[in-house]
Amino acid sequence: MPELTKSADEAVLSATTAAAGAEASEAKPDKTRSLWGDAWRDLRTNWIFIVSAVLILLLLVMAAWPGLFTNADPNNKDLANHYLQHPNYGHWFQEDWLGYDAQGRSVYARAIYGTRASLLVGAGTTVLVVILGGVIGMIAGYFGGWVDAVLSRVTDMFMGIPFLLGAMVMLNSFTDRSITVVIAALAFLGWTQTARVMRGAVITVKSTDYVQAAKALGAGTGRILFRHVMPNAIAPVIVVATISLGVYIGAEATLSFLGLGLNGVSWGNDISDGGNSIRVAQWIMLYPSIMLSVTVLAFIMLGEAVRNALDPKTR
């Protein structure tokens, strides 16, 4: 009997300890959840984000190390490789895999090397647009008054300029249209939408309690803008920038197709060259077009996934 009583007491003590531990774990506060944490949790389970991220990662590797995908020189002209010879689809990743263009250059090599130019133009333009448009929109939205009125009218003036037409006029004045020149032209005309989005987000954020508290505590304007306002207003700008990156890549290809874009290897230039022989050699135009479409689609899909993850209305 004493042994049974002792066993019963131990069981009661063990159950009491377990119950106390459970109550303590329930009473322990959960880790604070943030907008970015919730967004990342949603993105990890979103197949659209996963597919677009894999495609973009592949394109980045292709742009950084094109030698991993082909040993052919995209600028090597060999008229012995006639463009009427059909692609040799049995030679995987070889120079003649996707055929040759009218100048005897490998279509496959030019499709691979064209990735670098397109991504550099898209990324460079997006960075400049976010910096320029973000700063202008943040200043206009935070200070308001005559500052907002002046900057808003300047933004309206730039929005009144047709994007592609303005870029064509600017680039037509350059004989050597390098990547830097094309980026500068597109960014000069493309910052307006980012400025509008940032301005609206800043107007919403600046009336929140933590911004008013920072003002009451005597924080400087720069500290308030870059420590409190910008981190909480940047989310919609990131969404717009992600989608716009694909748009800028398409704009560069359009300008190159019209003969006003890059002078070097570019999908737009190859599409333009392939248009002259589309009736007899469709592959010259087909494969750069596929690369361009997949790239633009990948960034648009990524932007849509990020928008859905950051938008509280979709939760």
Protein backbone atom coordinates (compact mmCIF):
# COMPACT_ATOMS: atom_id res chain seq x y z
CA MET A 1 0.00 0.00 0.00
CA PRO A 2 2.70 2.57 0.77
CA GLU A 3 4.24 1.82 -2.65
CA LEU A 4 0.91 2.33 -4.37
CA THR A 5 0.37 5.61 -2.51
CA LYS A 6 3.86 6.76 -3.47
CA SER A 7 3.24 5.90 -7.14
CA ALA A 8 -0.05 7.77 -7.10
CA ASP A 9 1.60 10.82 -5.53
CA GLU A 10 4.32 10.76 -8.21
CA ALA A 11 1.71 10.53 -10.97
CA VAL A 12 -0.22 13.48 -9.53
CA LEU A 13 3.00 15.51 -9.22
CA SER A 14 3.97 14.66 -12.81
CA ALA A 15 0.54 15.64 -14.12
CA THR A 16 0.62 18.89 -12.16
CA THR A 17 4.06 19.73 -13.53
CA ALA A 18 2.94 19.01 -17.10
CA ALA A 19 -0.15 21.14 -16.68
CA ALA A 20 1.91 24.00 -15.27
CA GLY A 21 4.31 23.73 -18.19
CA ALA A 22 1.44 23.79 -20.67
CA GLU A 23 -0.06 26.88 -19.00
CA ALA A 24 3.33 28.57 -19.08
CA SER A 25 3.78 27.82 -22.75
CA GLU A 26 0.29 29.13 -23.50
CA ALA A 27 0.97 32.26 -21.48
CA LYS A 28 4.24 32.88 -23.35
CA PRO A 29 3.61 35.59 -25.92
CA ASP A 30 4.02 34.70 -29.58
CA LYS A 31 6.79 36.23 -31.62
CA THR A 32 5.75 39.55 -33.10
CA ARG A 33 4.56 39.14 -36.68
CA SER A 34 5.47 41.81 -39.22
CA LEU A 35 4.15 42.65 -42.67
CA TRP A 36 7.33 41.39 -44.29
CA GLY A 37 7.27 38.17 -42.26
CA ASP A 38 3.68 37.45 -43.25
CA ALA A 39 4.48 38.29 -46.87
CA TRP A 40 7.45 35.90 -46.94
CA ARG A 41 5.31 33.18 -45.37
CA ASP A 42 2.75 33.60 -48.14
CA LEU A 43 5.33 33.79 -50.91
CA ARG A 44 6.98 30.52 -49.91
CA THR A 45 3.73 28.67 -50.60
CA ASN A 46 2.77 30.59 -53.75
CA TRP A 47 3.55 28.56 -56.87
CA ILE A 48 3.49 31.68 -59.06
CA PHE A 49 6.27 33.21 -56.96
CA ILE A 50 8.28 29.99 -56.97
CA VAL A 51 8.06 29.53 -60.74
CA SER A 52 8.89 33.16 -61.50
CA ALA A 53 11.76 33.20 -58.99
CA VAL A 54 13.29 30.06 -60.54
CA LEU A 55 13.02 31.56 -64.03
CA ILE A 56 14.59 34.84 -62.91
CA LEU A 57 17.40 33.00 -61.12
CA LEU A 58 18.11 31.03 -64.29
CA LEU A 59 18.16 34.25 -66.32
CA LEU A 60 20.53 35.88 -63.83
CA VAL A 61 22.94 32.94 -64.07
CA MET A 62 22.65 33.08 -67.85
CA ALA A 63 23.45 36.80 -67.87
CA ALA A 64 26.37 36.51 -65.44
CA TRP A 65 27.99 33.37 -66.92
CA PRO A 66 26.83 32.88 -70.52
CA GLY A 67 29.84 30.63 -71.10
CA LEU A 68 28.11 27.96 -69.02
CA PHE A 69 25.43 27.65 -71.69
CA THR A 70 27.34 28.10 -74.95
CA ASN A 71 30.91 28.24 -76.22
CA ALA A 72 29.96 30.07 -79.43
CA ASP A 73 30.77 33.71 -80.08
CA PRO A 74 27.54 35.67 -80.66
CA ASN A 75 29.34 38.12 -82.95
CA ASN A 76 31.16 35.53 -85.06
CA LYS A 77 30.02 35.91 -88.68
CA ASP A 78 30.54 32.90 -90.92
CA LEU A 79 28.62 33.06 -94.19
CA ALA A 80 29.32 29.36 -94.69
CA ASN A 81 26.60 28.83 -92.08
CA HIS A 82 23.68 29.68 -94.33
CA TYR A 83 20.55 30.92 -92.60
CA LEU A 84 18.34 28.73 -94.81
CA GLN A 85 19.83 25.65 -93.15
CA HIS A 86 17.29 24.43 -90.65
CA PRO A 87 18.24 24.26 -86.96
CA ASN A 88 19.90 21.05 -85.89
CA TYR A 89 17.72 20.16 -82.92
CA GLY A 90 19.79 17.04 -82.26
CA HIS A 91 22.84 19.13 -81.27
CA TRP A 92 21.73 20.21 -77.82
CA PHE A 93 23.27 23.52 -76.67
CA GLN A 94 25.61 23.55 -79.65
CA GLU A 95 26.28 26.47 -81.99
CA ASP A 96 23.87 25.22 -84.66
CA TRP A 97 21.17 24.05 -82.23
CA LEU A 98 18.75 26.89 -83.15
CA GLY A 99 20.20 27.67 -86.56
CA TYR A 100 21.96 30.76 -87.88
CA ASP A 101 20.87 34.24 -88.89
CA ALA A 102 21.42 35.99 -92.22
CA GLN A 103 24.99 36.94 -91.24
CA GLY A 104 25.97 33.43 -90.18
CA ARG A 105 25.79 34.11 -86.45
CA SER A 106 24.51 31.51 -84.01
CA VAL A 107 20.90 32.23 -83.02
CA TYR A 108 21.33 30.24 -79.81
CA ALA A 109 24.48 32.12 -78.75
CA ARG A 110 22.86 35.50 -79.42
CA ALA A 111 19.76 34.50 -77.46
CA ILE A 112 21.95 33.59 -74.48
CA TYR A 113 24.17 36.68 -74.60
CA GLY A 114 21.19 38.96 -75.17
CA THR A 115 20.03 38.15 -71.65
CA ARG A 116 22.82 40.23 -70.10
CA ALA A 117 21.95 43.41 -71.98
CA SER A 118 18.24 43.13 -71.30
CA LEU A 119 18.63 42.45 -67.58
CA LEU A 120 21.18 45.21 -67.15
CA VAL A 121 18.89 47.73 -68.83
CA GLY A 122 15.87 46.56 -66.83
CA ALA A 123 17.65 46.47 -63.47
CA GLY A 124 19.57 49.71 -63.98
CA THR A 125 16.49 51.61 -65.09
CA THR A 126 14.47 50.26 -62.17
CA VAL A 127 17.10 51.30 -59.62
CA LEU A 128 17.30 54.85 -60.98
CA VAL A 129 13.52 55.12 -61.22
CA VAL A 130 13.05 53.97 -57.62
CA ILE A 131 15.68 56.41 -56.34
CA LEU A 132 14.49 59.41 -58.34
CA GLY A 133 10.77 58.79 -58.14
CA GLY A 134 10.94 57.62 -54.53
CA VAL A 135 12.75 60.73 -53.32
CA ILE A 136 10.47 63.10 -55.24
CA GLY A 137 7.33 61.32 -54.08
CA MET A 138 8.50 61.15 -50.49
CA ILE A 139 9.31 64.88 -50.36
CA ALA A 140 6.02 65.83 -52.03
CA GLY A 141 3.92 63.61 -49.77
CA TYR A 142 5.62 64.51 -46.50
CA PHE A 143 5.89 68.30 -46.80
CA GLY A 144 2.69 68.94 -48.76
CA GLY A 145 1.65 72.51 -49.45
CA TRP A 146 3.45 74.38 -52.19
CA VAL A 147 6.22 71.76 -52.31
CA ASP A 148 3.67 69.09 -53.16
CA ALA A 149 1.98 71.39 -55.69
CA VAL A 150 5.20 72.17 -57.55
CA LEU A 151 6.49 68.58 -57.62
CA SER A 152 3.07 67.24 -58.63
CA ARG A 153 2.90 69.65 -61.58
CA VAL A 154 6.42 68.65 -62.66
CA THR A 155 5.36 65.02 -62.45
CA ASP A 156 2.28 65.76 -64.56
CA MET A 157 4.47 67.43 -67.20
CA PHE A 158 6.66 64.33 -67.50
CA MET A 159 3.63 62.05 -67.53
CA GLY A 160 2.33 64.02 -70.52
CA ILE A 161 5.34 62.90 -72.58
CA PRO A 162 4.66 59.57 -74.37
CA PHE A 163 7.17 57.15 -72.90
CA LEU A 164 8.39 55.37 -76.03
CA LEU A 165 8.16 58.44 -78.25
CA GLY A 166 10.18 60.51 -75.79
CA ALA A 167 12.79 57.76 -75.50
CA MET A 168 13.03 57.53 -79.30
CA VAL A 169 13.61 61.28 -79.58
CA MET A 170 16.28 61.23 -76.88
CA LEU A 171 18.14 58.17 -78.17
CA ASN A 172 18.01 59.40 -81.76
CA SER A 173 20.48 62.12 -80.79
CA PHE A 174 23.12 59.54 -79.79
CA THR A 175 25.24 57.61 -82.29
CA ASP A 176 26.76 55.30 -79.67
CA ARG A 177 23.77 53.98 -77.73
CA SER A 178 25.41 52.03 -74.94
CA ILE A 179 23.64 50.39 -72.01
CA THR A 180 24.26 53.46 -69.85
CA VAL A 181 22.68 55.80 -72.40
CA VAL A 182 19.58 53.62 -72.77
CA ILE A 183 19.19 53.32 -68.98
CA ALA A 184 19.46 57.09 -68.55
CA ALA A 185 16.86 57.76 -71.25
CA LEU A 186 14.34 55.27 -69.87
CA ALA A 187 14.82 56.40 -66.27
CA PHE A 188 14.50 60.08 -67.21
CA LEU A 189 11.01 59.42 -68.52
CA GLY A 190 9.89 56.51 -66.33
CA TRP A 191 10.05 57.81 -62.74
CA THR A 192 6.59 59.41 -62.65
CA GLN A 193 4.53 56.37 -61.66
CA THR A 194 6.91 55.53 -58.81
CA ALA A 195 6.70 59.13 -57.56
CA ARG A 196 2.90 59.02 -57.55
CA VAL A 197 2.81 55.71 -55.68
CA MET A 198 5.37 56.86 -53.09
CA ARG A 199 3.56 60.17 -52.57
CA GLY A 200 0.26 58.43 -51.81
CA ALA A 201 1.91 55.96 -49.43
CA VAL A 202 3.78 58.73 -47.57
CA ILE A 203 0.59 60.78 -47.15
CA THR A 204 -1.00 57.75 -45.47
CA VAL A 205 2.03 56.96 -43.28
CA LYS A 206 2.83 60.48 -42.07
CA SER A 207 -0.47 60.73 -40.14
CA THR A 208 0.19 57.57 -38.09
CA ASP A 209 0.84 57.68 -34.36
CA TYR A 210 4.49 56.64 -34.47
CA VAL A 211 5.37 59.45 -36.88
CA GLN A 212 3.53 61.99 -34.72
CA ALA A 213 5.31 60.61 -31.65
CA ALA A 214 8.69 60.98 -33.37
CA LYS A 215 7.87 64.60 -34.16
CA ALA A 216 6.80 65.24 -30.56
CA LEU A 217 10.08 63.80 -29.28
CA GLY A 218 12.01 66.25 -31.46
CA ALA A 219 13.30 63.86 -34.13
CA GLY A 220 14.77 65.58 -37.18
CA THR A 221 13.10 65.54 -40.59
CA GLY A 222 15.75 63.27 -42.09
CA ARG A 223 15.42 60.74 -39.28
CA ILE A 224 11.64 60.71 -39.55
CA LEU A 225 11.73 60.28 -43.32
CA PHE A 226 14.34 57.53 -43.52
CA ARG A 227 13.71 55.71 -40.22
CA HIS A 228 9.94 55.87 -39.89
CA VAL A 229 8.24 56.98 -43.10
CA MET A 230 10.20 55.30 -45.88
CA PRO A 231 10.35 51.75 -44.39
CA ASN A 232 6.58 51.77 -43.95
CA ALA A 233 5.80 53.31 -47.36
CA ILE A 234 8.20 51.35 -49.55
CA ALA A 235 6.06 48.21 -49.99
CA PRO A 236 3.85 49.48 -52.86
CA VAL A 237 6.93 50.96 -54.55
CA ILE A 238 8.63 47.55 -54.51
CA VAL A 239 5.59 46.01 -56.18
CA VAL A 240 5.50 48.67 -58.90
CA ALA A 241 9.27 48.41 -59.43
CA THR A 242 9.16 44.62 -59.82
CA ILE A 243 6.46 44.80 -62.48
CA SER A 244 8.07 47.80 -64.18
CA LEU A 245 11.38 45.97 -64.54
CA GLY A 246 9.78 43.65 -67.08
CA VAL A 247 8.19 46.65 -68.79
CA TYR A 248 11.58 48.35 -69.17
CA ILE A 249 13.06 45.20 -70.68
CA GLY A 250 10.23 45.19 -73.21
CA ALA A 251 10.76 48.90 -73.89
CA GLU A 252 14.47 48.35 -74.59
CA ALA A 253 13.62 45.52 -76.99
CA THR A 254 11.07 47.74 -78.74
CA LEU A 255 13.58 50.55 -79.17
CA SER A 256 16.21 48.12 -80.45
CA PHE A 257 13.68 46.66 -82.87
CA LEU A 258 13.11 50.17 -84.24
CA GLY A 259 16.85 50.74 -84.58
CA LEU A 260 17.08 53.20 -81.69
CA GLY A 261 18.17 50.90 -78.88
CA LEU A 262 21.41 49.13 -78.08
CA ASN A 263 24.12 48.82 -80.71
CA GLY A 264 25.35 45.46 -79.41
CA VAL A 265 23.76 42.06 -78.88
CA SER A 266 20.11 42.53 -78.04
CA TRP A 267 16.93 40.52 -78.41
CA GLY A 268 15.26 43.51 -80.05
CA ASN A 269 17.99 43.73 -82.71
CA ASP A 270 17.72 40.01 -83.43
CA ILE A 271 13.94 40.20 -83.71
CA SER A 272 14.31 43.08 -86.14
CA ASP A 273 16.87 41.17 -88.23
CA GLY A 274 14.70 38.08 -88.23
CA GLY A 275 11.72 40.00 -89.54
CA ASN A 276 13.44 40.39 -92.91
CA SER A 277 13.52 36.63 -93.45
CA ILE A 278 10.45 35.50 -91.52
CA ARG A 279 8.93 33.73 -94.52
CA VAL A 280 11.87 31.38 -95.07
CA ALA A 281 13.68 31.29 -91.69
CA GLN A 282 11.22 31.85 -88.87
CA TRP A 283 13.62 30.62 -86.18
CA ILE A 284 15.78 33.75 -86.46
CA MET A 285 12.92 35.80 -85.03
CA LEU A 286 11.20 33.09 -82.98
CA TYR A 287 13.77 32.27 -80.31
CA PRO A 288 14.73 35.82 -79.27
CA SER A 289 11.00 36.55 -79.09
CA ILE A 290 10.49 33.57 -76.79
CA MET A 291 13.35 34.67 -74.52
CA LEU A 292 11.96 38.19 -74.34
CA SER A 293 8.41 37.01 -73.60
CA VAL A 294 9.51 34.58 -70.89
CA THR A 295 11.67 37.23 -69.20
CA VAL A 296 8.95 39.89 -69.17
CA LEU A 297 6.36 37.35 -68.01
CA ALA A 298 8.61 36.17 -65.17
CA PHE A 299 9.00 39.66 -63.72
CA ILE A 300 5.30 40.46 -64.11
CA MET A 301 4.39 37.20 -62.33
CA LEU A 302 6.87 38.00 -59.56
CA GLY A 303 5.40 41.47 -59.15
CA GLU A 304 1.85 40.11 -58.97
CA ALA A 305 2.87 37.56 -56.34
CA VAL A 306 4.60 40.22 -54.24
CA ARG A 307 1.61 42.54 -54.58
CA ASN A 308 -0.79 39.87 -53.34
CA ALA A 309 1.51 39.04 -50.43
CA LEU A 310 1.92 42.67 -49.32
CA ASP A 311 -1.69 43.76 -49.83
CA PRO A 312 -3.67 43.30 -46.58
CA LYS A 313 -6.96 43.24 -48.50
CA THR A 314 -6.04 39.88 -50.05
CA ARG A 315 -5.50 38.18 -46.68
